[in-house]
Amino acid sequence: MRKLSALALASALAASIFAASLPAEATEGPGEGQWQELAIADAPISNPLKGFLPFAPEVGSEPDLADQPLPYTMEFALFPVNSVVTDKGRYNWENVDKMLDSIASRGHQTVLRFYLDCPKKESGVPSYLIKEGIDTSRKYSVYGNTDSFSPNYDDPRIQEMLVDFIKEFGNKYDGDPRIGYITAGLIGFWGEDHTYPMNGEKSPENPKGENWMPSSETRARLVEAWDDAFDTTPVQFRHPTAATKAHHMGYHDDSFAYSTLPNVSWHFLSHLKKNGEENAWQQVPIGGELYPSLQTCIFSEPLNCPDLEKEKAQGRNYDAVTSIEESHATWLINHNGFSIGYTGEDRERAAGASALMGYTLQAKKTRLISQGTSVTVEAEIANTGLAPFYASWPIEFALVDSQGHIVSSTRIDSPLPSLEPQSSTIVEATLNLGEESEVSPAPSSASDNGLTAVVRVVNPLPNGVPLAFANEAMGETLPGYLTLGKVSPSAQEPSAQEAPSQAAPSASEQSDTQPSPTATATASAMDRESTTENSSDLARTGRINAALLSIFAFLAKIVSSFSGYTFG
């Protein structure tokens, strides 16, 4: 026979009750609370705001595409200024809106440009300026032109019209989700910022050596106008200047892969380097047009482009991949690549070049932490591409049930524009299941147990092409979302007494006290590793609450009455 002291009996009973009060470990999903690696995949051929793109068809027409065209997410639209400027100070944007809506109906964003002078088209100069008597004598026949003329860009009346036009353009369209990029245009043939061969050098086409380009003062004034008008939508220029550098403008090369590399002084990258803008891509986008005569031949092996050897002997590049890599280009017009198309290995190489451009976002690992009805989702996102993701599109986390319904979601401000190539960042959000959230049914591969955590970068165009992560689980649970993992939150909210009280609350714990889901993005997982793990351990371990202490005291009083009694 054994004698039990009152203290031992009280301790045993209290320990039993204490153990029963602890949260069950079985409510957590496999690996929950631990960092889990995510399976990676190749860069997608196309993604929003990057890659090859064609010219947009006329409103009401279908795109002119060859069989099995490459996927794309943007279209290029060109407008004469006089389609908008109907009189001095009067604007009609109807045609622009119709085109933007037409392109958006296909889920695409627009790259937009305006011109005053386009060879083989009627002049884009507003009619009221012609009536006022501006110079219309600069006629030319190069590029097959018979209709247009090159205006005097230094004429104060033209400058005033352009500055006012840019201001109104920005007032109406800055930040419009239908627009991806704007190329400044306005100056030169096709709005391409050149009047070659009327560039100040004598030639058979320009025997007097005339220069039809504007002065540096006029150019600087227009750059300032663009910067004042657009804060959100990127604006890109053909040539770097002191003004474009000072105002942090983007750039485009409309002879891409032909005269891009810095082996000749007048090539695109040579101009950037000369003006100290060789690293501009780290902050602003680089785009352009794959040189038209190269579009159907540049991805052939061996190259079969016309006059190839003669052109290369003069320093032309004929190298799309190296030009993309060294310029860090994000987008390129390649209309013939879509209207004529590629087949076989040529198509594979063209697809690879499109995937190479711009950003590539890839989720490396994730961690899911449940605490009562709150779930904290963390993901390490890397940019494995050549350029940043320049747009400040929000990141959305969501929890999805086994029927494919979103039961909770929240969005965070995006750190992606500051995410340089070959670097990563941690993004985090806390979702509360007790709050109402929009439910959207969709097919799901989730099982009947627990919830699936997913993440996406939100395209602000309502039906825009979803941004795809370079991961195997992209679209696995819901279209447009990356699947992160399974989580099994508790069915009940933890009481206030169960919350950790001795240590300072972590970011995820603080979010539980807020009236709505909260979210944060941080630059490193290391800064948060220990505090998040500690808070997770505390949530799983619990603390003796007031009720349990009362029971403990009550049992001790009972047992004390049996002091010295022998149990047999």
Protein backbone atom coordinates (compact mmCIF):
# COMPACT_ATOMS: atom_id res chain seq x y z
CA MET A 1 0.00 0.00 0.00
CA ARG A 2 1.10 3.58 -0.78
CA LYS A 3 0.52 6.83 1.06
CA LEU A 4 -0.19 9.93 -1.08
CA SER A 5 0.39 13.36 0.38
CA ALA A 6 -2.16 16.11 -0.18
CA LEU A 7 0.36 18.06 -2.23
CA ALA A 8 1.05 15.12 -4.51
CA LEU A 9 -2.62 14.43 -5.05
CA ALA A 10 -3.33 18.07 -5.81
CA SER A 11 -0.41 18.22 -8.21
CA ALA A 12 -1.50 15.11 -10.06
CA LEU A 13 -5.08 16.30 -10.46
CA ALA A 14 -4.00 19.76 -11.55
CA ALA A 15 -1.53 18.35 -14.05
CA SER A 16 -4.23 16.21 -15.60
CA ILE A 17 -6.56 19.15 -15.98
CA PHE A 18 -3.73 21.34 -17.27
CA ALA A 19 -2.77 18.80 -19.92
CA ALA A 20 -6.36 18.49 -21.04
CA SER A 21 -6.56 22.26 -21.46
CA LEU A 22 -3.70 22.45 -23.96
CA PRO A 23 -4.46 22.86 -27.69
CA ALA A 24 -4.31 19.62 -29.65
CA GLU A 25 -1.28 19.36 -31.94
CA ALA A 26 -3.37 17.32 -34.39
CA THR A 27 -5.24 20.45 -35.55
CA GLU A 28 -2.18 21.60 -37.51
CA GLY A 29 -1.46 20.60 -41.08
CA PRO A 30 1.68 18.67 -42.00
CA GLY A 31 4.72 20.91 -41.69
CA GLU A 32 2.66 23.81 -40.39
CA GLY A 33 4.80 26.43 -38.66
CA GLN A 34 7.91 25.32 -40.51
CA TRP A 35 9.39 26.78 -43.70
CA GLN A 36 8.50 24.56 -46.67
CA GLU A 37 10.29 24.66 -50.02
CA LEU A 38 8.11 25.26 -53.08
CA ALA A 39 8.64 23.47 -56.39
CA ILE A 40 9.91 25.87 -59.05
CA ALA A 41 9.24 25.93 -62.80
CA ASP A 42 10.55 27.64 -65.92
CA ALA A 43 9.77 31.30 -66.53
CA PRO A 44 6.36 31.72 -68.24
CA ILE A 45 6.52 32.67 -71.93
CA SER A 46 4.38 35.72 -71.24
CA ASN A 47 3.24 37.64 -68.20
CA PRO A 48 1.52 40.99 -67.68
CA LEU A 49 3.52 44.09 -68.66
CA LYS A 50 6.35 42.13 -70.33
CA GLY A 51 7.33 40.15 -73.41
CA PHE A 52 6.64 40.44 -77.12
CA LEU A 53 3.50 42.23 -78.33
CA PRO A 54 1.75 42.99 -81.64
CA PHE A 55 0.04 46.08 -82.99
CA ALA A 56 -3.58 46.36 -81.89
CA PRO A 57 -6.21 45.80 -84.61
CA GLU A 58 -8.81 48.43 -85.41
CA VAL A 59 -11.63 48.67 -82.90
CA GLY A 60 -14.18 46.01 -83.73
CA SER A 61 -11.65 43.82 -85.57
CA GLU A 62 -9.95 40.65 -84.44
CA PRO A 63 -6.16 40.45 -84.00
CA ASP A 64 -4.24 39.35 -87.10
CA LEU A 65 -2.55 36.24 -85.75
CA ALA A 66 -0.82 33.30 -87.40
CA ASP A 67 -1.47 29.69 -86.34
CA GLN A 68 -0.21 28.90 -82.84
CA PRO A 69 0.89 32.43 -81.99
CA LEU A 70 3.00 33.13 -78.96
CA PRO A 71 0.97 34.20 -75.92
CA TYR A 72 1.05 37.92 -75.19
CA THR A 73 -0.42 40.37 -72.68
CA MET A 74 -0.06 43.82 -74.30
CA GLU A 75 -0.86 45.52 -77.62
CA PHE A 76 0.60 48.65 -79.21
CA ALA A 77 -1.65 51.52 -80.27
CA LEU A 78 -0.60 54.61 -82.25
CA PHE A 79 -2.72 57.78 -82.47
CA PRO A 80 -2.37 61.13 -84.27
CA VAL A 81 -2.54 64.07 -81.90
CA ASN A 82 -5.33 65.64 -83.98
CA SER A 83 -7.58 62.67 -83.19
CA VAL A 84 -7.78 64.14 -79.67
CA VAL A 85 -6.97 67.86 -80.02
CA THR A 86 -9.97 69.14 -81.95
CA ASP A 87 -9.28 72.85 -81.40
CA LYS A 88 -7.14 75.00 -79.17
CA GLY A 89 -7.74 73.78 -75.62
CA ARG A 90 -10.41 71.30 -76.75
CA TYR A 91 -10.00 67.54 -76.39
CA ASN A 92 -12.01 64.50 -77.39
CA TRP A 93 -10.65 61.20 -76.01
CA GLU A 94 -13.44 59.02 -77.38
CA ASN A 95 -11.29 57.19 -79.94
CA VAL A 96 -8.60 56.52 -77.37
CA ASP A 97 -11.09 55.12 -74.86
CA LYS A 98 -12.62 52.87 -77.49
CA MET A 99 -9.22 51.43 -78.36
CA LEU A 100 -8.22 50.98 -74.72
CA ASP A 101 -11.52 49.21 -74.02
CA SER A 102 -11.12 47.02 -77.08
CA ILE A 103 -7.65 45.90 -76.02
CA ALA A 104 -8.75 45.48 -72.39
CA SER A 105 -11.61 43.23 -73.53
CA ARG A 106 -8.93 40.72 -74.50
CA GLY A 107 -7.39 40.99 -71.03
CA HIS A 108 -4.45 43.03 -72.33
CA GLN A 109 -2.83 46.33 -71.40
CA THR A 110 -1.87 48.94 -74.00
CA VAL A 111 1.45 50.48 -74.95
CA LEU A 112 0.44 53.89 -76.25
CA ARG A 113 2.04 56.57 -78.43
CA PHE A 114 0.93 59.78 -80.15
CA TYR A 115 2.52 61.38 -83.21
CA LEU A 116 2.40 64.59 -85.23
CA ASP A 117 4.13 63.14 -88.30
CA CYS A 118 3.80 59.59 -89.60
CA PRO A 119 5.09 58.67 -93.08
CA LYS A 120 2.36 57.56 -95.52
CA LYS A 121 -0.37 58.89 -93.21
CA GLU A 122 -2.08 62.25 -93.08
CA SER A 123 -0.51 64.78 -90.76
CA GLY A 124 -1.34 64.46 -87.07
CA VAL A 125 -0.97 68.21 -86.49
CA PRO A 126 -4.21 69.77 -85.17
CA SER A 127 -6.01 71.68 -87.91
CA TYR A 128 -6.26 74.92 -85.94
CA LEU A 129 -2.44 75.23 -86.01
CA ILE A 130 -2.38 74.83 -89.79
CA LYS A 131 -5.05 77.53 -90.06
CA GLU A 132 -2.89 79.77 -87.88
CA GLY A 133 -0.16 79.47 -90.48
CA ILE A 134 2.51 77.22 -88.98
CA ASP A 135 5.25 76.06 -91.37
CA THR A 136 4.04 73.13 -93.51
CA SER A 137 6.85 73.26 -96.05
CA ARG A 138 8.88 70.34 -94.71
CA LYS A 139 7.63 67.81 -97.22
CA TYR A 140 9.55 64.60 -97.83
CA SER A 141 9.38 61.44 -99.93
CA VAL A 142 11.54 59.07 -97.87
CA TYR A 143 9.77 56.04 -96.38
CA GLY A 144 7.22 56.26 -99.19
CA ASN A 145 5.63 59.38 -97.75
CA THR A 146 3.27 61.51 -99.85
CA ASP A 147 0.84 62.96 -97.29
CA SER A 148 2.52 64.10 -94.08
CA PHE A 149 4.93 66.92 -93.32
CA SER A 150 7.46 67.44 -90.52
CA PRO A 151 6.43 70.37 -88.32
CA ASN A 152 8.81 72.85 -86.77
CA TYR A 153 8.88 71.53 -83.22
CA ASP A 154 10.52 74.74 -81.97
CA ASP A 155 7.53 76.85 -83.02
CA PRO A 156 6.12 78.27 -79.74
CA ARG A 157 2.58 77.52 -80.88
CA ILE A 158 3.38 73.85 -81.36
CA GLN A 159 5.22 73.72 -78.04
CA GLU A 160 2.28 75.26 -76.23
CA MET A 161 -0.13 72.80 -77.83
CA LEU A 162 2.06 69.81 -76.91
CA VAL A 163 2.59 70.89 -73.30
CA ASP A 164 -1.15 71.40 -72.80
CA PHE A 165 -1.90 68.09 -74.54
CA ILE A 166 0.51 66.20 -72.26
CA LYS A 167 -1.07 67.81 -69.19
CA GLU A 168 -4.58 66.78 -70.24
CA PHE A 169 -3.35 63.31 -71.21
CA GLY A 170 -1.93 62.79 -67.72
CA ASN A 171 -5.00 64.21 -65.99
CA LYS A 172 -7.18 61.66 -67.73
CA TYR A 173 -5.03 58.54 -67.96
CA ASP A 174 -2.23 58.49 -65.37
CA GLY A 175 -2.63 55.24 -63.46
CA ASP A 176 -5.31 53.89 -65.81
CA PRO A 177 -5.08 50.06 -65.48
CA ARG A 178 -5.73 49.70 -69.21
CA ILE A 179 -2.34 51.29 -69.99
CA GLY A 180 0.93 49.49 -69.37
CA TYR A 181 3.45 51.98 -70.79
CA ILE A 182 3.53 55.24 -72.72
CA THR A 183 6.25 56.01 -75.23
CA ALA A 184 6.62 59.77 -75.32
CA GLY A 185 6.42 59.98 -79.10
CA LEU A 186 5.20 63.30 -80.56
CA ILE A 187 8.60 64.14 -82.10
CA GLY A 188 9.93 62.81 -85.41
CA PHE A 189 8.76 60.26 -87.98
CA TRP A 190 6.23 57.83 -86.46
CA GLY A 191 6.80 59.69 -83.18
CA GLU A 192 10.07 57.74 -82.93
CA ASP A 193 12.20 60.74 -81.98
CA HIS A 194 14.17 60.89 -85.22
CA THR A 195 13.90 62.61 -88.61
CA TYR A 196 16.59 60.59 -90.39
CA PRO A 197 17.91 61.45 -92.94
CA MET A 198 16.92 65.05 -92.13
CA ASN A 199 19.27 64.97 -89.17
CA GLY A 200 21.74 67.73 -89.98
CA GLU A 201 24.05 65.63 -92.13
CA LYS A 202 24.31 65.99 -95.90
CA SER A 203 23.23 62.99 -97.92
CA PRO A 204 21.52 62.28 -101.27
CA GLU A 205 18.16 62.47 -99.48
CA ASN A 206 19.21 65.61 -97.56
CA PRO A 207 21.53 67.58 -99.84
CA LYS A 208 21.33 70.75 -97.73
CA GLY A 209 22.04 68.96 -94.46
CA GLU A 210 18.83 70.16 -92.85
CA ASN A 211 18.02 69.19 -89.25
CA TRP A 212 14.33 68.88 -88.49
CA MET A 213 14.73 67.80 -84.87
CA PRO A 214 13.83 70.18 -82.03
CA SER A 215 16.35 72.06 -79.93
CA SER A 216 17.54 70.63 -76.61
CA GLU A 217 15.54 73.37 -74.86
CA THR A 218 12.31 72.25 -76.53
CA ARG A 219 13.03 68.62 -75.72
CA ALA A 220 13.73 69.48 -72.06
CA ARG A 221 10.47 71.39 -71.83
CA LEU A 222 8.52 68.39 -73.10
CA VAL A 223 10.31 66.00 -70.74
CA GLU A 224 9.35 68.20 -67.81
CA ALA A 225 5.74 68.27 -69.02
CA TRP A 226 5.64 64.47 -69.17
CA ASP A 227 7.10 64.19 -65.68
CA ASP A 228 4.58 66.67 -64.28
CA ALA A 229 1.66 64.86 -65.92
CA PHE A 230 2.46 61.22 -65.08
CA ASP A 231 3.31 59.92 -61.62
CA THR A 232 2.17 56.31 -61.94
CA THR A 233 2.17 55.19 -65.59
CA PRO A 234 5.74 54.83 -66.91
CA VAL A 235 6.77 57.16 -69.75
CA GLN A 236 9.65 56.09 -72.02
CA PHE A 237 11.86 58.06 -74.43
CA ARG A 238 13.86 56.99 -77.47
CA HIS A 239 17.03 58.90 -76.61
CA PRO A 240 18.57 59.74 -73.24
CA THR A 241 19.31 63.39 -72.46
CA ALA A 242 20.23 65.39 -69.39
CA ALA A 243 16.52 66.09 -68.98
CA THR A 244 15.37 62.47 -69.22
CA LYS A 245 18.03 61.50 -66.69
CA ALA A 246 17.06 64.28 -64.28
CA HIS A 247 13.38 63.31 -64.49
CA HIS A 248 14.02 59.53 -64.22
CA MET A 249 12.35 58.58 -67.48
CA GLY A 250 12.33 55.13 -69.06
CA TYR A 251 13.68 54.33 -72.53
CA HIS A 252 12.78 52.43 -75.68
CA ASP A 253 14.90 51.22 -78.59
CA ASP A 254 12.92 51.03 -81.84
CA SER A 255 15.78 49.35 -83.73
CA PHE A 256 16.15 46.60 -81.18
CA ALA A 257 18.66 43.80 -81.89
CA TYR A 258 19.81 45.75 -84.96
CA SER A 259 21.61 48.69 -83.33
CA THR A 260 21.27 47.99 -79.62
CA LEU A 261 24.65 46.76 -78.34
CA PRO A 262 27.40 49.27 -77.50
CA ASN A 263 29.85 48.21 -80.22
CA VAL A 264 29.08 51.38 -82.26
CA SER A 265 28.91 54.91 -80.82
CA TRP A 266 25.38 55.68 -82.00
CA HIS A 267 23.80 52.42 -80.89
CA PHE A 268 21.16 52.47 -78.15
CA LEU A 269 23.28 51.22 -75.25
CA SER A 270 26.14 53.49 -76.29
CA HIS A 271 23.80 56.48 -75.95
CA LEU A 272 22.65 55.28 -72.54
CA LYS A 273 26.21 54.85 -71.32
CA LYS A 274 27.32 58.22 -72.69
CA ASN A 275 24.54 59.89 -70.69
CA GLY A 276 25.17 57.88 -67.53
CA GLU A 277 21.95 55.89 -67.94
CA GLU A 278 23.35 52.38 -68.47
CA ASN A 279 21.79 51.32 -65.15
CA ALA A 280 18.52 53.20 -65.62
CA TRP A 281 16.74 49.84 -65.96
CA GLN A 282 17.10 49.33 -62.21
CA GLN A 283 14.47 52.03 -61.66
CA VAL A 284 12.63 52.52 -64.96
CA PRO A 285 11.55 50.17 -67.78
CA ILE A 286 13.31 49.52 -71.07
CA GLY A 287 11.20 48.64 -74.11
CA GLY A 288 11.13 49.13 -77.87
CA GLU A 289 10.53 47.39 -81.16
CA LEU A 290 12.38 44.43 -82.56
CA TYR A 291 13.74 45.90 -85.81
CA PRO A 292 11.03 45.11 -88.41
CA SER A 293 13.26 43.41 -90.99
CA LEU A 294 14.60 41.10 -88.26
CA GLN A 295 11.28 40.01 -86.77
CA THR A 296 10.73 36.92 -88.93
CA CYS A 297 14.38 35.83 -89.25
CA ILE A 298 16.16 36.68 -86.00
CA PHE A 299 15.30 33.36 -84.32
CA SER A 300 16.42 31.15 -87.21
CA GLU A 301 19.58 29.07 -86.89
CA PRO A 302 21.55 29.75 -88.91
CA LEU A 303 20.36 33.33 -89.41
CA ASN A 304 18.75 33.89 -92.81
CA CYS A 305 18.11 37.65 -92.64
CA PRO A 306 18.53 39.72 -95.83
CA ASP A 307 21.92 41.45 -96.26
CA LEU A 308 23.11 39.80 -93.07
CA GLU A 309 26.84 39.75 -93.76
CA LYS A 310 26.92 43.26 -95.18
CA GLU A 311 25.02 44.66 -92.20
CA LYS A 312 27.09 42.82 -89.62
CA ALA A 313 30.26 44.06 -91.28
CA GLN A 314 29.04 47.59 -90.58
CA GLY A 315 28.52 46.81 -86.90
CA ARG A 316 24.86 45.88 -86.79
CA ASN A 317 24.09 43.31 -84.08
CA TYR A 318 21.53 40.75 -85.29
CA ASP A 319 21.46 39.30 -81.78
CA ALA A 320 18.15 39.42 -79.95
CA VAL A 321 19.07 37.43 -76.84
CA THR A 322 22.26 39.34 -76.03
CA SER A 323 20.47 42.62 -76.69
CA ILE A 324 17.73 41.63 -74.24
CA GLU A 325 20.25 40.57 -71.63
CA GLU A 326 22.47 43.64 -71.84
CA SER A 327 19.65 46.20 -72.07
CA HIS A 328 17.46 44.43 -69.46
CA ALA A 329 14.51 44.98 -71.79
CA THR A 330 11.03 44.33 -70.43
CA TRP A 331 8.86 44.54 -73.58
CA LEU A 332 9.27 44.64 -77.36
CA ILE A 333 6.92 45.16 -80.28
CA ASN A 334 7.24 42.18 -82.64
CA HIS A 335 4.19 42.40 -84.88
CA ASN A 336 5.40 40.09 -87.65
CA GLY A 337 6.21 37.51 -85.02
CA PHE A 338 2.46 37.28 -84.44
CA SER A 339 0.96 38.02 -87.86
CA ILE A 340 3.39 35.76 -89.77
CA GLY A 341 4.50 33.73 -86.78
CA TYR A 342 7.13 31.11 -86.07
CA THR A 343 7.21 27.35 -86.34
CA GLY A 344 9.33 24.54 -84.92
CA GLU A 345 12.58 25.45 -83.24
CA ASP A 346 12.25 29.09 -84.35
CA ARG A 347 9.11 29.32 -82.26
CA GLU A 348 10.85 27.74 -79.27
CA ARG A 349 13.67 30.28 -79.48
CA ALA A 350 11.20 33.17 -79.84
CA ALA A 351 9.24 31.88 -76.84
CA GLY A 352 12.46 31.70 -74.84
CA ALA A 353 13.32 35.29 -75.74
CA SER A 354 9.87 36.46 -74.67
CA ALA A 355 10.20 34.63 -71.35
CA LEU A 356 13.67 36.10 -70.84
CA MET A 357 12.46 39.70 -70.86
CA GLY A 358 11.69 41.68 -67.72
CA TYR A 359 10.83 40.16 -64.37
CA THR A 360 10.29 36.55 -63.37
CA LEU A 361 8.68 36.09 -59.96
CA GLN A 362 9.23 32.81 -58.16
CA ALA A 363 8.11 31.76 -54.68
CA LYS A 364 10.96 29.91 -52.98
CA LYS A 365 9.41 28.82 -49.68
CA THR A 366 6.43 29.38 -47.42
CA ARG A 367 5.40 29.11 -43.79
CA LEU A 368 1.87 28.84 -42.42
CA ILE A 369 1.09 29.52 -38.75
CA SER A 370 -2.40 29.07 -37.29
CA GLN A 371 -3.49 30.58 -33.99
CA GLY A 372 -7.13 30.08 -33.18
CA THR A 373 -9.08 31.38 -36.15
CA SER A 374 -6.17 33.45 -37.43
CA VAL A 375 -3.69 32.19 -39.99
CA THR A 376 -0.41 33.94 -40.76
CA VAL A 377 0.94 33.20 -44.23
CA GLU A 378 4.52 34.00 -45.17
CA ALA A 379 6.24 33.52 -48.52
CA GLU A 380 9.70 34.26 -49.81
CA ILE A 381 9.37 35.71 -53.31
CA ALA A 382 12.40 36.01 -55.58
CA ASN A 383 12.89 37.88 -58.83
CA THR A 384 14.89 35.55 -61.05
CA GLY A 385 14.48 37.70 -64.16
CA LEU A 386 16.45 40.50 -65.81
CA ALA A 387 14.55 43.56 -64.58
CA PRO A 388 12.26 44.65 -61.75
CA PHE A 389 8.50 44.38 -61.74
CA TYR A 390 7.95 48.12 -62.02
CA ALA A 391 4.22 48.30 -61.20
CA SER A 392 2.97 48.66 -57.62
CA TRP A 393 0.30 45.98 -57.96
CA PRO A 394 -0.93 44.67 -54.58
CA ILE A 395 -0.29 41.14 -53.35
CA GLU A 396 -3.29 39.12 -52.19
CA PHE A 397 -3.29 36.18 -49.80
CA ALA A 398 -6.34 33.95 -49.45
CA LEU A 399 -7.59 30.80 -47.75
CA VAL A 400 -9.60 28.43 -49.93
CA ASP A 401 -11.87 25.62 -48.76
CA SER A 402 -12.23 22.19 -50.31
CA GLN A 403 -14.96 23.44 -52.67
CA GLY A 404 -12.73 26.12 -54.15
CA HIS A 405 -14.39 28.97 -52.24
CA ILE A 406 -12.30 31.83 -50.87
CA VAL A 407 -13.22 32.00 -47.17
CA SER A 408 -10.81 34.78 -46.22
CA SER A 409 -8.52 37.11 -48.13
CA THR A 410 -6.47 40.24 -47.63
CA ARG A 411 -4.16 42.43 -49.70
CA ILE A 412 -0.86 44.08 -48.87
CA ASP A 413 1.09 46.89 -50.47
CA SER A 414 3.64 45.53 -52.89
CA PRO A 415 7.41 45.55 -52.28
CA LEU A 416 8.00 44.17 -55.78
CA PRO A 417 9.16 47.36 -57.56
CA SER A 418 12.18 47.46 -55.25
CA LEU A 419 12.95 43.76 -55.75
CA GLU A 420 16.02 43.70 -57.99
CA PRO A 421 16.89 40.69 -60.14
CA GLN A 422 18.46 37.79 -58.24
CA SER A 423 17.13 39.00 -54.89
CA SER A 424 14.19 37.99 -52.72
CA THR A 425 11.85 39.38 -50.08
CA ILE A 426 9.49 38.00 -47.46
CA VAL A 427 5.82 38.93 -47.73
CA GLU A 428 3.40 38.20 -44.92
CA ALA A 429 -0.28 38.51 -44.16
CA THR A 430 -2.60 37.46 -41.34
CA LEU A 431 -6.08 36.29 -42.28
CA ASN A 432 -8.95 36.08 -39.77
CA LEU A 433 -11.58 33.47 -40.46
CA GLY A 434 -14.13 35.07 -38.17
CA GLU A 435 -14.68 37.98 -40.54
CA GLU A 436 -16.87 38.16 -43.61
CA SER A 437 -15.08 37.78 -46.91
CA GLU A 438 -16.07 37.55 -50.52
CA VAL A 439 -16.75 34.00 -51.65
CA SER A 440 -15.96 33.11 -55.24
CA PRO A 441 -16.59 29.52 -56.38
CA ALA A 442 -14.06 27.85 -58.62
CA PRO A 443 -12.74 24.33 -59.30
CA SER A 444 -10.36 23.13 -56.61
CA SER A 445 -7.90 20.32 -56.09
CA ALA A 446 -7.96 20.81 -52.30
CA SER A 447 -9.01 17.86 -50.20
CA ASP A 448 -11.87 17.96 -47.70
CA ASN A 449 -9.48 18.54 -44.80
CA GLY A 450 -8.39 22.01 -43.81
CA LEU A 451 -7.84 25.05 -45.96
CA THR A 452 -5.38 25.86 -48.73
CA ALA A 453 -3.34 29.04 -48.59
CA VAL A 454 -2.81 30.80 -51.94
CA VAL A 455 -1.22 34.03 -53.15
CA ARG A 456 -1.41 36.18 -56.27
CA VAL A 457 -0.22 39.54 -57.59
CA VAL A 458 -3.42 41.44 -58.44
CA ASN A 459 -3.71 42.73 -61.98
CA PRO A 460 -5.79 45.93 -61.60
CA LEU A 461 -7.36 45.38 -65.02
CA PRO A 462 -10.61 43.61 -64.03
CA ASN A 463 -10.25 40.80 -66.58
CA GLY A 464 -6.51 41.18 -67.06
CA VAL A 465 -4.20 38.25 -67.69
CA PRO A 466 -3.15 36.88 -64.28
CA LEU A 467 0.49 37.20 -63.29
CA ALA A 468 2.04 33.73 -63.20
CA PHE A 469 4.74 32.73 -60.73
CA ALA A 470 7.47 30.42 -62.02
CA ASN A 471 6.26 27.59 -59.78
CA GLU A 472 4.75 24.19 -60.44
CA ALA A 473 1.75 24.89 -58.19
CA MET A 474 0.64 27.98 -60.15
CA GLY A 475 -3.11 27.69 -60.76
CA GLU A 476 -3.31 24.36 -58.93
CA THR A 477 -6.04 25.43 -56.48
CA LEU A 478 -7.53 28.51 -58.16
CA PRO A 479 -6.81 30.05 -61.57
CA GLY A 480 -4.40 32.95 -61.22
CA TYR A 481 -3.24 31.96 -57.72
CA LEU A 482 -0.13 30.15 -56.54
CA THR A 483 -0.82 27.34 -54.06
CA LEU A 484 1.34 27.62 -50.93
CA GLY A 485 0.12 24.79 -48.69
CA LYS A 486 -2.52 23.39 -46.37
CA VAL A 487 -3.44 24.76 -42.97
CA SER A 488 -5.88 23.58 -40.27
CA PRO A 489 -6.94 26.49 -38.06
CA SER A 490 -8.77 25.88 -34.76
CA ALA A 491 -12.53 25.97 -34.78
CA GLN A 492 -12.67 28.50 -31.96
CA GLU A 493 -11.06 31.86 -31.25
CA PRO A 494 -8.47 31.61 -28.42
CA SER A 495 -9.48 33.37 -25.24
CA ALA A 496 -7.65 36.43 -24.00
CA GLN A 497 -6.16 34.40 -21.16
CA GLU A 498 -4.60 31.97 -23.59
CA ALA A 499 -2.70 34.67 -25.43
CA PRO A 500 1.01 35.09 -24.60
CA SER A 501 1.50 37.70 -21.90
CA GLN A 502 5.17 37.64 -20.95
CA ALA A 503 6.93 38.42 -24.21
CA ALA A 504 6.46 41.39 -26.52
CA PRO A 505 3.95 40.44 -29.25
CA SER A 506 5.28 39.66 -32.70
CA ALA A 507 3.90 41.24 -35.87
CA SER A 508 1.61 38.28 -36.41
CA GLU A 509 0.30 38.43 -32.82
CA GLN A 510 -0.37 42.15 -33.04
CA SER A 511 -2.52 41.55 -36.11
CA ASP A 512 -4.87 39.37 -34.07
CA THR A 513 -5.93 42.40 -32.03
CA GLN A 514 -6.94 44.45 -35.07
CA PRO A 515 -10.58 44.73 -36.17
CA SER A 516 -9.71 43.69 -39.74
CA PRO A 517 -7.07 41.48 -41.44
CA THR A 518 -3.65 43.07 -41.43
CA ALA A 519 -0.66 42.44 -43.61
CA THR A 520 2.98 43.39 -43.92
CA ALA A 521 5.91 42.88 -46.25
CA THR A 522 9.49 42.66 -44.99
CA ALA A 523 12.89 42.42 -46.62
CA SER A 524 14.28 39.41 -44.77
CA ALA A 525 13.06 36.28 -43.02
CA MET A 526 15.99 36.35 -40.60
CA ASP A 527 14.75 39.47 -38.78
CA ARG A 528 11.58 37.68 -37.78
CA GLU A 529 12.64 34.06 -37.48
CA SER A 530 13.01 33.75 -33.71
CA THR A 531 10.09 35.95 -32.65
CA THR A 532 7.64 34.26 -35.03
CA GLU A 533 8.71 30.78 -33.91
CA ASN A 534 8.41 31.78 -30.25
CA SER A 535 4.95 33.22 -30.74
CA SER A 536 3.95 30.08 -32.63
CA ASP A 537 5.26 27.88 -29.78
CA LEU A 538 3.39 29.96 -27.20
CA ALA A 539 0.21 29.66 -29.20
CA ARG A 540 0.58 25.88 -29.26
CA THR A 541 1.62 25.56 -25.59
CA GLY A 542 -0.85 28.00 -23.97
CA ARG A 543 -0.87 29.44 -20.45
CA ILE A 544 -2.79 28.48 -17.30
CA ASN A 545 -5.87 30.65 -17.37
CA ALA A 546 -7.75 32.11 -14.44
CA ALA A 547 -10.33 29.33 -14.39
CA LEU A 548 -7.65 26.65 -14.21
CA LEU A 549 -5.95 28.41 -11.29
CA SER A 550 -9.28 28.47 -9.44
CA ILE A 551 -9.73 24.73 -9.97
CA PHE A 552 -6.19 24.12 -8.78
CA ALA A 553 -6.84 26.01 -5.51
CA PHE A 554 -10.16 24.25 -5.00
CA LEU A 555 -8.58 20.80 -5.41
CA ALA A 556 -5.77 21.68 -3.04
CA LYS A 557 -8.31 22.66 -0.35
CA ILE A 558 -10.19 19.38 -0.80
CA VAL A 559 -7.08 17.26 -0.66
CA SER A 560 -5.80 19.08 2.43
CA SER A 561 -8.81 17.78 4.36
CA PHE A 562 -7.49 14.27 3.76
CA SER A 563 -4.07 15.14 5.18
CA GLY A 564 -2.46 11.97 6.58
CA TYR A 565 -5.21 9.69 5.17
CA THR A 566 -4.03 6.43 3.63
CA PHE A 567 -5.55 5.36 0.29
CA GLY A 568 -5.53 1.63 -0.25
